[in-house]
Amino acid sequence: QVQLTESGGGLVQAGDSVRLPCAAAGRSFSRYSVAWFRQAPGKDRAFISAISGSDNATLYADSVKGRFIISRDNAKNTVWLQMNSLKPEDTAVYYCAAGLNLRWHDFMYNTWGPGTQVTVSS
């Protein structure tokens, strides 16, 4: 089991870049796939990206493909979401989540961080 904590959120301008770390505490971090989701006000939680535990296979939502990059360093127990060319519609609370398989669906991830707010002004 791992515990997750996101950070790095805040208020940014459209076009800016932000990197969000997801730090994990616990053992066997490399066993877990880690995903990023986001939830905008009044909207459902949406999948953004995920990375597998050991072979760094990745998944991206079409809405962020080419702008966001997910990466991890198992020695540092951290996964990062690099967000480039931010748009106002990227405004949301961003969550990282861990699970045993690389999947799109939020119900496949059973450990979640508390989230970090990212606000993109136009």
Protein backbone atom coordinates (compact mmCIF):
# COMPACT_ATOMS: atom_id res chain seq x y z
CA GLN A 1 0.00 0.00 0.00
CA VAL A 2 1.19 3.53 -0.76
CA GLN A 3 0.00 6.97 0.29
CA LEU A 4 0.04 9.76 -2.28
CA THR A 5 0.44 13.53 -2.04
CA GLU A 6 0.19 15.98 -4.91
CA SER A 7 1.75 19.44 -4.94
CA GLY A 8 2.78 22.16 -7.37
CA GLY A 9 -0.62 23.66 -8.09
CA GLY A 10 -1.47 27.34 -8.10
CA LEU A 11 -2.53 30.23 -10.30
CA VAL A 12 -0.84 30.45 -13.70
CA GLN A 13 -1.36 32.29 -16.98
CA ALA A 14 -2.57 30.73 -20.19
CA GLY A 15 0.40 29.41 -22.13
CA ASP A 16 2.46 28.73 -19.01
CA SER A 17 3.92 25.40 -17.98
CA VAL A 18 3.56 23.68 -14.62
CA ARG A 19 4.98 20.43 -13.28
CA LEU A 20 2.97 18.58 -10.68
CA PRO A 21 4.73 16.00 -8.50
CA CYS A 22 2.92 13.08 -6.93
CA ALA A 23 5.00 11.82 -4.03
CA ALA A 24 4.42 8.34 -2.67
CA ALA A 25 5.09 7.01 0.82
CA GLY A 26 5.15 3.30 1.40
CA ARG A 27 6.73 0.21 -0.03
CA SER A 28 6.98 -1.35 -3.46
CA PHE A 29 6.14 1.83 -5.35
CA SER A 30 7.39 0.29 -8.60
CA ARG A 31 4.56 -2.28 -8.46
CA TYR A 32 1.97 0.43 -8.97
CA SER A 33 0.70 2.17 -12.03
CA VAL A 34 0.01 5.82 -11.29
CA ALA A 35 -2.59 7.94 -13.02
CA TRP A 36 -3.53 11.59 -13.04
CA PHE A 37 -7.15 12.68 -13.08
CA ARG A 38 -8.71 16.11 -12.85
CA GLN A 39 -12.07 17.49 -11.82
CA ALA A 40 -13.28 20.89 -12.93
CA PRO A 41 -16.13 22.67 -11.12
CA GLY A 42 -19.46 21.11 -12.01
CA LYS A 43 -17.87 18.34 -14.06
CA ASP A 44 -17.08 14.69 -13.55
CA ARG A 45 -13.59 13.54 -12.72
CA ALA A 46 -11.67 12.93 -15.94
CA PHE A 47 -8.68 10.77 -16.81
CA ILE A 48 -5.58 12.63 -17.99
CA SER A 49 -2.65 10.24 -18.11
CA ALA A 50 -1.16 7.14 -16.53
CA ILE A 51 2.19 5.41 -16.34
CA SER A 52 2.95 1.79 -15.53
CA GLY A 53 5.08 0.70 -12.60
CA SER A 54 8.20 -0.70 -14.14
CA ASP A 55 8.28 -0.46 -17.94
CA ASN A 56 7.04 3.16 -18.19
CA ALA A 57 4.21 2.40 -20.58
CA THR A 58 1.93 5.44 -20.78
CA LEU A 59 -1.63 6.44 -21.60
CA TYR A 60 -2.90 9.92 -22.44
CA ALA A 61 -6.34 11.43 -22.89
CA ASP A 62 -6.80 13.03 -26.31
CA SER A 63 -7.43 16.39 -24.66
CA VAL A 64 -3.87 16.57 -23.33
CA LYS A 65 -1.89 14.48 -25.81
CA GLY A 66 1.06 16.50 -27.09
CA ARG A 67 0.82 19.04 -24.25
CA PHE A 68 1.19 16.96 -21.07
CA ILE A 69 3.94 14.47 -20.26
CA ILE A 70 3.89 11.90 -17.47
CA SER A 71 7.09 10.47 -16.03
CA ARG A 72 8.30 8.70 -12.91
CA ASP A 73 11.40 7.98 -10.88
CA ASN A 74 10.90 4.90 -8.73
CA ALA A 75 14.07 5.64 -6.76
CA LYS A 76 12.44 8.90 -5.66
CA ASN A 77 8.94 7.42 -5.26
CA THR A 78 7.60 10.21 -7.45
CA VAL A 79 5.51 10.62 -10.57
CA TRP A 80 5.39 13.95 -12.37
CA LEU A 81 2.85 15.52 -14.70
CA GLN A 82 4.47 18.14 -16.91
CA MET A 83 1.75 20.43 -18.24
CA ASN A 84 2.64 22.73 -21.13
CA SER A 85 0.70 25.34 -23.10
CA LEU A 86 -1.92 25.54 -20.37
CA LYS A 87 -5.41 26.73 -21.26
CA PRO A 88 -8.17 28.13 -19.05
CA GLU A 89 -10.09 24.88 -19.61
CA ASP A 90 -7.27 23.04 -17.83
CA THR A 91 -8.44 24.67 -14.59
CA ALA A 92 -9.31 21.87 -12.17
CA VAL A 93 -8.29 19.98 -9.06
CA TYR A 94 -5.64 17.48 -10.12
CA TYR A 95 -5.43 14.10 -8.40
CA CYS A 96 -2.93 11.29 -8.64
CA ALA A 97 -3.97 7.72 -7.97
CA ALA A 98 -2.25 4.34 -7.72
CA GLY A 99 -3.40 0.94 -8.85
CA LEU A 100 -1.99 -2.40 -9.89
CA ASN A 101 -2.86 -2.06 -13.58
CA LEU A 102 -2.47 0.61 -16.25
CA ARG A 103 -6.04 1.64 -16.98
CA TRP A 104 -8.20 4.59 -18.03
CA HIS A 105 -10.95 4.10 -15.46
CA ASP A 106 -10.87 5.74 -12.05
CA PHE A 107 -12.40 2.69 -10.34
CA MET A 108 -9.25 0.73 -11.20
CA TYR A 109 -7.22 2.94 -8.85
CA ASN A 110 -7.71 2.36 -5.15
CA THR A 111 -5.35 4.89 -3.57
CA TRP A 112 -5.80 8.61 -4.13
CA GLY A 113 -4.07 11.78 -3.11
CA PRO A 114 -5.99 14.77 -1.69
CA GLY A 115 -5.56 16.80 -4.90
CA THR A 116 -3.99 20.11 -5.86
CA GLN A 117 -5.76 23.06 -7.46
CA VAL A 118 -4.51 24.42 -10.77
CA THR A 119 -6.12 27.63 -12.02
CA VAL A 120 -5.27 28.95 -15.48
CA SER A 121 -6.20 32.56 -16.14
CA SER A 122 -6.73 33.91 -19.66
